[in-house]
């Protein structure tokens, strides 16, 4: 565990500039702002390959992003789902 922490700290210190993309699309919140959203995935009676039958899926998610700084945001995602085969 200590070696992993030292490696992470070393990599963090030698990088002078890095780029990242927000996890949930092109919108990144400004400092001390947050936004939320909903995601839903539905798959209705999809036929699977190699005679594995059919699949039905329903998944709902709640998303929250908070801008800690202009260049750093915390993205959280939680949800429920049901998958039947």
PDB file of N, CA and C in Angstrom:
ATOM      1  N   UNK A   1       0.823  -1.192   0.000  1.00  0.00           N
ATOM      2  CA  UNK A   1       0.000   0.000   0.000  1.00  0.00           C
ATOM      3  C   UNK A   1       0.868   1.256   0.000  1.00  0.00           C
ATOM      4  N   UNK A   2       1.942   1.201   0.764  1.00  0.00           N
ATOM      5  CA  UNK A   2       2.823   2.361   0.844  1.00  0.00           C
ATOM      6  C   UNK A   2       3.503   2.627  -0.496  1.00  0.00           C
ATOM      7  N   UNK A   3       3.885   1.553  -1.202  1.00  0.00           N
ATOM      8  CA  UNK A   3       4.532   1.714  -2.506  1.00  0.00           C
ATOM      9  C   UNK A   3       3.581   2.347  -3.524  1.00  0.00           C
ATOM     10  N   UNK A   4       2.324   1.959  -3.484  1.00  0.00           N
ATOM     11  CA  UNK A   4       1.333   2.534  -4.395  1.00  0.00           C
ATOM     12  C   UNK A   4       1.155   4.015  -4.109  1.00  0.00           C
ATOM     13  N   UNK A   5       1.082   4.372  -2.842  1.00  0.00           N
ATOM     14  CA  UNK A   5       0.939   5.775  -2.459  1.00  0.00           C
ATOM     15  C   UNK A   5       2.159   6.599  -2.880  1.00  0.00           C
ATOM     16  N   UNK A   6       3.344   6.065  -2.692  1.00  0.00           N
ATOM     17  CA  UNK A   6       4.560   6.778  -3.098  1.00  0.00           C
ATOM     18  C   UNK A   6       4.639   6.927  -4.612  1.00  0.00           C
ATOM     19  N   UNK A   7       4.232   5.902  -5.345  1.00  0.00           N
ATOM     20  CA  UNK A   7       4.223   5.968  -6.808  1.00  0.00           C
ATOM     21  C   UNK A   7       3.231   7.031  -7.283  1.00  0.00           C
ATOM     22  N   UNK A   8       2.044   7.061  -6.684  1.00  0.00           N
ATOM     23  CA  UNK A   8       1.041   8.061  -7.041  1.00  0.00           C
ATOM     24  C   UNK A   8       1.548   9.467  -6.727  1.00  0.00           C
ATOM     25  N   UNK A   9       2.147   9.644  -5.585  1.00  0.00           N
ATOM     26  CA  UNK A   9       2.680  10.946  -5.196  1.00  0.00           C
ATOM     27  C   UNK A   9       3.792  11.389  -6.138  1.00  0.00           C
ATOM     28  N   UNK A  10       4.665  10.468  -6.513  1.00  0.00           N
ATOM     29  CA  UNK A  10       5.748  10.774  -7.449  1.00  0.00           C
ATOM     30  C   UNK A  10       5.187  11.205  -8.800  1.00  0.00           C
ATOM     31  N   UNK A  11       4.220  10.452  -9.337  1.00  0.00           N
ATOM     32  CA  UNK A  11       3.619  10.805 -10.630  1.00  0.00           C
ATOM     33  C   UNK A  11       2.901  12.139 -10.554  1.00  0.00           C
ATOM     34  N   UNK A  12       2.252  12.405  -9.441  1.00  0.00           N
ATOM     35  CA  UNK A  12       1.544  13.673  -9.266  1.00  0.00           C
ATOM     36  C   UNK A  12       2.516  14.850  -9.244  1.00  0.00           C
ATOM     37  N   UNK A  13       3.672  14.658  -8.638  1.00  0.00           N
ATOM     38  CA  UNK A  13       4.636  15.752  -8.513  1.00  0.00           C
ATOM     39  C   UNK A  13       5.372  16.044  -9.819  1.00  0.00           C
ATOM     40  N   UNK A  14       5.603  15.043 -10.660  1.00  0.00           N
ATOM     41  CA  UNK A  14       6.381  15.290 -11.879  1.00  0.00           C
ATOM     42  C   UNK A  14       5.520  15.829 -13.014  1.00  0.00           C
ATOM     43  N   UNK A  15       4.214  15.703 -12.911  1.00  0.00           N
ATOM     44  CA  UNK A  15       3.353  16.228 -13.965  1.00  0.00           C
ATOM     45  C   UNK A  15       3.114  17.712 -13.743  1.00  0.00           C
ATOM     46  N   UNK A  16       3.463  18.513 -14.727  1.00  0.00           N
ATOM     47  CA  UNK A  16       3.251  19.951 -14.577  1.00  0.00           C
ATOM     48  C   UNK A  16       1.881  20.362 -15.079  1.00  0.00           C
ATOM     49  N   UNK A  17       1.341  19.609 -16.038  1.00  0.00           N
ATOM     50  CA  UNK A  17       0.028  19.941 -16.567  1.00  0.00           C
ATOM     51  C   UNK A  17      -0.622  18.658 -17.085  1.00  0.00           C
ATOM     52  N   UNK A  18      -1.880  18.485 -16.775  1.00  0.00           N
ATOM     53  CA  UNK A  18      -2.591  17.316 -17.265  1.00  0.00           C
ATOM     54  C   UNK A  18      -4.000  17.731 -17.669  1.00  0.00           C
ATOM     55  N   UNK A  19      -4.642  16.915 -18.481  1.00  0.00           N
ATOM     56  CA  UNK A  19      -5.974  17.200 -18.986  1.00  0.00           C
ATOM     57  C   UNK A  19      -6.894  16.035 -18.663  1.00  0.00           C
ATOM     58  N   UNK A  20      -8.152  16.353 -18.458  1.00  0.00           N
ATOM     59  CA  UNK A  20      -9.144  15.324 -18.180  1.00  0.00           C
ATOM     60  C   UNK A  20     -10.472  15.749 -18.783  1.00  0.00           C
ATOM     61  N   UNK A  21     -11.306  14.771 -19.047  1.00  0.00           N
ATOM     62  CA  UNK A  21     -12.652  15.043 -19.546  1.00  0.00           C
ATOM     63  C   UNK A  21     -13.644  14.707 -18.445  1.00  0.00           C
ATOM     64  N   UNK A  22     -14.702  15.484 -18.309  1.00  0.00           N
ATOM     65  CA  UNK A  22     -15.722  15.151 -17.314  1.00  0.00           C
ATOM     66  C   UNK A  22     -16.327  13.778 -17.595  1.00  0.00           C
ATOM     67  N   UNK A  23     -16.738  13.100 -16.564  1.00  0.00           N
ATOM     68  CA  UNK A  23     -17.245  11.735 -16.707  1.00  0.00           C
ATOM     69  C   UNK A  23     -18.593  11.670 -17.426  1.00  0.00           C
ATOM     70  N   UNK A  24     -19.426  12.663 -17.257  1.00  0.00           N
ATOM     71  CA  UNK A  24     -20.794  12.573 -17.753  1.00  0.00           C
ATOM     72  C   UNK A  24     -21.102  13.656 -18.766  1.00  0.00           C
ATOM     73  N   UNK A  25     -20.307  13.726 -19.819  1.00  0.00           N
ATOM     74  CA  UNK A  25     -20.589  14.663 -20.888  1.00  0.00           C
ATOM     75  C   UNK A  25     -19.671  15.866 -20.866  1.00  0.00           C
ATOM     76  N   UNK A  26     -19.918  16.812 -21.771  1.00  0.00           N
ATOM     77  CA  UNK A  26     -19.002  17.940 -21.927  1.00  0.00           C
ATOM     78  C   UNK A  26     -19.169  19.042 -20.886  1.00  0.00           C
ATOM     79  N   UNK A  27     -20.190  18.974 -20.053  1.00  0.00           N
ATOM     80  CA  UNK A  27     -20.422  20.038 -19.076  1.00  0.00           C
ATOM     81  C   UNK A  27     -19.675  19.733 -17.784  1.00  0.00           C
ATOM     82  N   UNK A  28     -18.836  20.677 -17.374  1.00  0.00           N
ATOM     83  CA  UNK A  28     -18.109  20.541 -16.116  1.00  0.00           C
ATOM     84  C   UNK A  28     -18.531  21.696 -15.221  1.00  0.00           C
ATOM     85  N   UNK A  29     -18.923  21.436 -13.987  1.00  0.00           N
ATOM     86  CA  UNK A  29     -19.408  22.521 -13.126  1.00  0.00           C
ATOM     87  C   UNK A  29     -18.293  23.487 -12.732  1.00  0.00           C
ATOM     88  N   UNK A  30     -18.665  24.734 -12.565  1.00  0.00           N
ATOM     89  CA  UNK A  30     -17.721  25.738 -12.087  1.00  0.00           C
ATOM     90  C   UNK A  30     -17.433  25.497 -10.607  1.00  0.00           C
ATOM     91  N   UNK A  31     -16.495  26.237 -10.052  1.00  0.00           N
ATOM     92  CA  UNK A  31     -16.128  26.074  -8.650  1.00  0.00           C
ATOM     93  C   UNK A  31     -17.330  26.347  -7.745  1.00  0.00           C
ATOM     94  N   UNK A  32     -17.563  25.465  -6.778  1.00  0.00           N
ATOM     95  CA  UNK A  32     -18.628  25.539  -5.775  1.00  0.00           C
ATOM     96  C   UNK A  32     -20.031  25.507  -6.380  1.00  0.00           C
ATOM     97  N   UNK A  33     -20.185  24.895  -7.536  1.00  0.00           N
ATOM     98  CA  UNK A  33     -21.498  24.678  -8.134  1.00  0.00           C
ATOM     99  C   UNK A  33     -21.704  23.191  -8.336  1.00  0.00           C
ATOM    100  N   UNK A  34     -22.971  22.774  -8.355  1.00  0.00           N
ATOM    101  CA  UNK A  34     -23.241  21.379  -8.641  1.00  0.00           C
ATOM    102  C   UNK A  34     -24.435  21.282  -9.580  1.00  0.00           C
ATOM    103  N   UNK A  35     -24.502  20.165 -10.248  1.00  0.00           N
ATOM    104  CA  UNK A  35     -25.671  19.868 -11.064  1.00  0.00           C
ATOM    105  C   UNK A  35     -25.938  18.380 -10.983  1.00  0.00           C
ATOM    106  N   UNK A  36     -27.145  18.002 -11.257  1.00  0.00           N
ATOM    107  CA  UNK A  36     -27.551  16.609 -11.195  1.00  0.00           C
ATOM    108  C   UNK A  36     -28.330  16.230 -12.440  1.00  0.00           C
ATOM    109  N   UNK A  37     -28.551  14.965 -12.581  1.00  0.00           N
ATOM    110  CA  UNK A  37     -29.290  14.480 -13.736  1.00  0.00           C
ATOM    111  C   UNK A  37     -29.749  13.052 -13.527  1.00  0.00           C
ATOM    112  N   UNK A  38     -30.523  12.578 -14.462  1.00  0.00           N
ATOM    113  CA  UNK A  38     -31.037  11.212 -14.447  1.00  0.00           C
ATOM    114  C   UNK A  38     -30.628  10.514 -15.725  1.00  0.00           C
ATOM    115  N   UNK A  39     -30.334   9.229 -15.627  1.00  0.00           N
ATOM    116  CA  UNK A  39     -30.040   8.392 -16.780  1.00  0.00           C
ATOM    117  C   UNK A  39     -30.922   7.165 -16.705  1.00  0.00           C
ATOM    118  N   UNK A  40     -31.420   6.741 -17.844  1.00  0.00           N
ATOM    119  CA  UNK A  40     -32.233   5.537 -17.912  1.00  0.00           C
ATOM    120  C   UNK A  40     -31.806   4.717 -19.116  1.00  0.00           C
ATOM    121  N   UNK A  41     -31.635   3.424 -18.908  1.00  0.00           N
ATOM    122  CA  UNK A  41     -31.323   2.494 -19.986  1.00  0.00           C
ATOM    123  C   UNK A  41     -32.403   1.425 -20.019  1.00  0.00           C
ATOM    124  N   UNK A  42     -32.987   1.231 -21.184  1.00  0.00           N
ATOM    125  CA  UNK A  42     -33.967   0.164 -21.389  1.00  0.00           C
ATOM    126  C   UNK A  42     -33.489  -0.714 -22.533  1.00  0.00           C
ATOM    127  N   UNK A  43     -33.533  -2.009 -22.333  1.00  0.00           N
ATOM    128  CA  UNK A  43     -33.281  -2.982 -23.396  1.00  0.00           C
ATOM    129  C   UNK A  43     -34.475  -3.923 -23.388  1.00  0.00           C
ATOM    130  N   UNK A  44     -35.209  -3.953 -24.488  1.00  0.00           N
ATOM    131  CA  UNK A  44     -36.425  -4.765 -24.574  1.00  0.00           C
ATOM    132  C   UNK A  44     -36.171  -5.997 -25.425  1.00  0.00           C
ATOM    133  N   UNK A  45     -36.248  -7.156 -24.819  1.00  0.00           N
ATOM    134  CA  UNK A  45     -36.219  -8.444 -25.518  1.00  0.00           C
ATOM    135  C   UNK A  45     -35.146  -8.540 -26.592  1.00  0.00           C
ATOM    136  N   UNK A  46     -33.928  -8.359 -26.197  1.00  0.00           N
ATOM    137  CA  UNK A  46     -32.810  -8.505 -27.123  1.00  0.00           C
ATOM    138  C   UNK A  46     -32.449  -9.968 -27.248  1.00  0.00           C
ATOM    139  N   UNK A  47     -32.365 -10.448 -28.468  1.00  0.00           N
ATOM    140  CA  UNK A  47     -31.986 -11.838 -28.719  1.00  0.00           C
ATOM    141  C   UNK A  47     -30.469 -11.943 -28.663  1.00  0.00           C
ATOM    142  N   UNK A  48     -29.977 -12.848 -27.817  1.00  0.00           N
ATOM    143  CA  UNK A  48     -28.543 -13.029 -27.642  1.00  0.00           C
ATOM    144  C   UNK A  48     -28.007 -14.063 -28.623  1.00  0.00           C
ATOM    145  N   UNK A  49     -26.719 -14.004 -28.872  1.00  0.00           N
ATOM    146  CA  UNK A  49     -26.082 -14.929 -29.813  1.00  0.00           C
ATOM    147  C   UNK A  49     -25.946 -16.317 -29.205  1.00  0.00           C
ATOM    148  N   UNK A  50     -25.700 -17.297 -30.062  1.00  0.00           N
ATOM    149  CA  UNK A  50     -25.395 -18.687 -29.674  1.00  0.00           C
ATOM    150  C   UNK A  50     -26.472 -19.318 -28.802  1.00  0.00           C
ATOM    151  N   UNK A  51     -27.721 -19.062 -29.092  1.00  0.00           N
ATOM    152  CA  UNK A  51     -28.859 -19.678 -28.388  1.00  0.00           C
ATOM    153  C   UNK A  51     -28.844 -19.447 -26.882  1.00  0.00           C
ATOM    154  N   UNK A  52     -28.426 -18.266 -26.463  1.00  0.00           N
ATOM    155  CA  UNK A  52     -28.469 -17.926 -25.038  1.00  0.00           C
ATOM    156  C   UNK A  52     -29.800 -17.318 -24.625  1.00  0.00           C
ATOM    157  N   UNK A  53     -30.738 -17.216 -25.544  1.00  0.00           N
ATOM    158  CA  UNK A  53     -32.066 -16.727 -25.208  1.00  0.00           C
ATOM    159  C   UNK A  53     -32.211 -15.237 -25.446  1.00  0.00           C
ATOM    160  N   UNK A  54     -33.082 -14.624 -24.658  1.00  0.00           N
ATOM    161  CA  UNK A  54     -33.357 -13.192 -24.775  1.00  0.00           C
ATOM    162  C   UNK A  54     -33.026 -12.496 -23.464  1.00  0.00           C
ATOM    163  N   UNK A  55     -32.819 -11.198 -23.542  1.00  0.00           N
ATOM    164  CA  UNK A  55     -32.490 -10.407 -22.360  1.00  0.00           C
ATOM    165  C   UNK A  55     -33.402  -9.189 -22.321  1.00  0.00           C
ATOM    166  N   UNK A  56     -33.805  -8.820 -21.121  1.00  0.00           N
ATOM    167  CA  UNK A  56     -34.593  -7.605 -20.882  1.00  0.00           C
ATOM    168  C   UNK A  56     -33.922  -6.865 -19.726  1.00  0.00           C
ATOM    169  N   UNK A  57     -33.700  -5.560 -19.900  1.00  0.00           N
ATOM    170  CA  UNK A  57     -32.981  -4.795 -18.882  1.00  0.00           C
ATOM    171  C   UNK A  57     -33.650  -3.448 -18.662  1.00  0.00           C
ATOM    172  N   UNK A  58     -33.708  -3.026 -17.411  1.00  0.00           N
ATOM    173  CA  UNK A  58     -34.211  -1.711 -17.017  1.00  0.00           C
ATOM    174  C   UNK A  58     -33.266  -1.178 -15.944  1.00  0.00           C
ATOM    175  N   UNK A  59     -32.614  -0.035 -16.221  1.00  0.00           N
ATOM    176  CA  UNK A  59     -31.650   0.536 -15.288  1.00  0.00           C
ATOM    177  C   UNK A  59     -31.894   2.033 -15.170  1.00  0.00           C
ATOM    178  N   UNK A  60     -31.956   2.544 -13.939  1.00  0.00           N
ATOM    179  CA  UNK A  60     -32.150   3.965 -13.670  1.00  0.00           C
ATOM    180  C   UNK A  60     -31.016   4.463 -12.769  1.00  0.00           C
ATOM    181  N   UNK A  61     -30.449   5.620 -13.118  1.00  0.00           N
ATOM    182  CA  UNK A  61     -29.333   6.174 -12.371  1.00  0.00           C
ATOM    183  C   UNK A  61     -29.589   7.642 -12.040  1.00  0.00           C
ATOM    184  N   UNK A  62     -29.026   8.086 -10.921  1.00  0.00           N
ATOM    185  CA  UNK A  62     -29.036   9.491 -10.507  1.00  0.00           C
ATOM    186  C   UNK A  62     -27.591   9.969 -10.499  1.00  0.00           C
ATOM    187  N   UNK A  63     -27.312  11.103 -11.138  1.00  0.00           N
ATOM    188  CA  UNK A  63     -25.959  11.629 -11.272  1.00  0.00           C
ATOM    189  C   UNK A  63     -25.834  12.962 -10.549  1.00  0.00           C
ATOM    190  N   UNK A  64     -24.712  13.171  -9.879  1.00  0.00           N
ATOM    191  CA  UNK A  64     -24.421  14.445  -9.215  1.00  0.00           C
ATOM    192  C   UNK A  64     -22.968  14.796  -9.499  1.00  0.00           C
ATOM    193  N   UNK A  65     -22.729  16.031  -9.911  1.00  0.00           N
ATOM    194  CA  UNK A  65     -21.370  16.540 -10.104  1.00  0.00           C
ATOM    195  C   UNK A  65     -21.218  17.821  -9.300  1.00  0.00           C
ATOM    196  N   UNK A  66     -20.109  17.939  -8.585  1.00  0.00           N
ATOM    197  CA  UNK A  66     -19.824  19.123  -7.776  1.00  0.00           C
ATOM    198  C   UNK A  66     -18.451  19.651  -8.163  1.00  0.00           C
ATOM    199  N   UNK A  67     -18.361  20.934  -8.459  1.00  0.00           N
ATOM    200  CA  UNK A  67     -17.092  21.554  -8.828  1.00  0.00           C
ATOM    201  C   UNK A  67     -16.306  21.958  -7.600  1.00  0.00           C
ATOM    202  N   UNK A  68     -15.279  21.216  -7.270  1.00  0.00           N
ATOM    203  CA  UNK A  68     -14.410  21.555  -6.141  1.00  0.00           C
ATOM    204  C   UNK A  68     -13.569  22.776  -6.513  1.00  0.00           C
ATOM    205  N   UNK A  69     -12.947  22.726  -7.678  1.00  0.00           N
ATOM    206  CA  UNK A  69     -12.220  23.845  -8.264  1.00  0.00           C
ATOM    207  C   UNK A  69     -12.692  23.973  -9.709  1.00  0.00           C
ATOM    208  N   UNK A  70     -12.188  24.969 -10.429  1.00  0.00           N
ATOM    209  CA  UNK A  70     -12.539  25.086 -11.842  1.00  0.00           C
ATOM    210  C   UNK A  70     -12.000  23.911 -12.661  1.00  0.00           C
ATOM    211  N   UNK A  71     -10.961  23.276 -12.180  1.00  0.00           N
ATOM    212  CA  UNK A  71     -10.322  22.191 -12.913  1.00  0.00           C
ATOM    213  C   UNK A  71     -10.579  20.818 -12.300  1.00  0.00           C
ATOM    214  N   UNK A  72     -11.367  20.732 -11.218  1.00  0.00           N
ATOM    215  CA  UNK A  72     -11.605  19.452 -10.540  1.00  0.00           C
ATOM    216  C   UNK A  72     -13.063  19.352 -10.139  1.00  0.00           C
ATOM    217  N   UNK A  73     -13.679  18.242 -10.479  1.00  0.00           N
ATOM    218  CA  UNK A  73     -15.063  18.007 -10.056  1.00  0.00           C
ATOM    219  C   UNK A  73     -15.196  16.593  -9.514  1.00  0.00           C
ATOM    220  N   UNK A  74     -16.132  16.430  -8.584  1.00  0.00           N
ATOM    221  CA  UNK A  74     -16.468  15.117  -8.044  1.00  0.00           C
ATOM    222  C   UNK A  74     -17.744  14.647  -8.725  1.00  0.00           C
ATOM    223  N   UNK A  75     -17.704  13.478  -9.331  1.00  0.00           N
ATOM    224  CA  UNK A  75     -18.844  12.923 -10.033  1.00  0.00           C
ATOM    225  C   UNK A  75     -19.304  11.664  -9.299  1.00  0.00           C
ATOM    226  N   UNK A  76     -20.573  11.634  -8.937  1.00  0.00           N
ATOM    227  CA  UNK A  76     -21.148  10.486  -8.238  1.00  0.00           C
ATOM    228  C   UNK A  76     -22.305   9.933  -9.058  1.00  0.00           C
ATOM    229  N   UNK A  77     -22.452   8.620  -9.039  1.00  0.00           N
ATOM    230  CA  UNK A  77     -23.518   7.967  -9.795  1.00  0.00           C
ATOM    231  C   UNK A  77     -24.042   6.805  -8.963  1.00  0.00           C
ATOM    232  N   UNK A  78     -25.355   6.768  -8.781  1.00  0.00           N
ATOM    233  CA  UNK A  78     -25.991   5.675  -8.043  1.00  0.00           C
ATOM    234  C   UNK A  78     -27.280   5.295  -8.731  1.00  0.00           C
ATOM    235  N   UNK A  79     -27.658   4.048  -8.581  1.00  0.00           N
ATOM    236  CA  UNK A  79     -28.883   3.657  -9.268  1.00  0.00           C
ATOM    237  C   UNK A  79     -29.344   2.253  -8.942  1.00  0.00           C
ATOM    238  N   UNK A  80     -30.431   1.894  -9.598  1.00  0.00           N
ATOM    239  CA  UNK A  80     -31.064   0.593  -9.448  1.00  0.00           C
ATOM    240  C   UNK A  80     -31.271  -0.001 -10.818  1.00  0.00           C
ATOM    241  N   UNK A  81     -31.335  -1.309 -10.881  1.00  0.00           N
ATOM    242  CA  UNK A  81     -31.589  -1.939 -12.165  1.00  0.00           C
ATOM    243  C   UNK A  81     -32.135  -3.331 -12.015  1.00  0.00           C
ATOM    244  N   UNK A  82     -32.645  -3.846 -13.111  1.00  0.00           N
ATOM    245  CA  UNK A  82     -33.204  -5.182 -13.169  1.00  0.00           C
ATOM    246  C   UNK A  82     -32.844  -5.773 -14.524  1.00  0.00           C
ATOM    247  N   UNK A  83     -32.143  -6.902 -14.520  1.00  0.00           N
ATOM    248  CA  UNK A  83     -31.774  -7.567 -15.756  1.00  0.00           C
ATOM    249  C   UNK A  83     -32.302  -8.995 -15.702  1.00  0.00           C
ATOM    250  N   UNK A  84     -33.076  -9.368 -16.729  1.00  0.00           N
ATOM    251  CA  UNK A  84     -33.610 -10.728 -16.807  1.00  0.00           C
ATOM    252  C   UNK A  84     -33.134 -11.376 -18.099  1.00  0.00           C
ATOM    253  N   UNK A  85     -32.811 -12.659 -17.983  1.00  0.00           N
ATOM    254  CA  UNK A  85     -32.432 -13.430 -19.166  1.00  0.00           C
ATOM    255  C   UNK A  85     -33.318 -14.639 -19.249  1.00  0.00           C
TER     256      UNK A  85
END
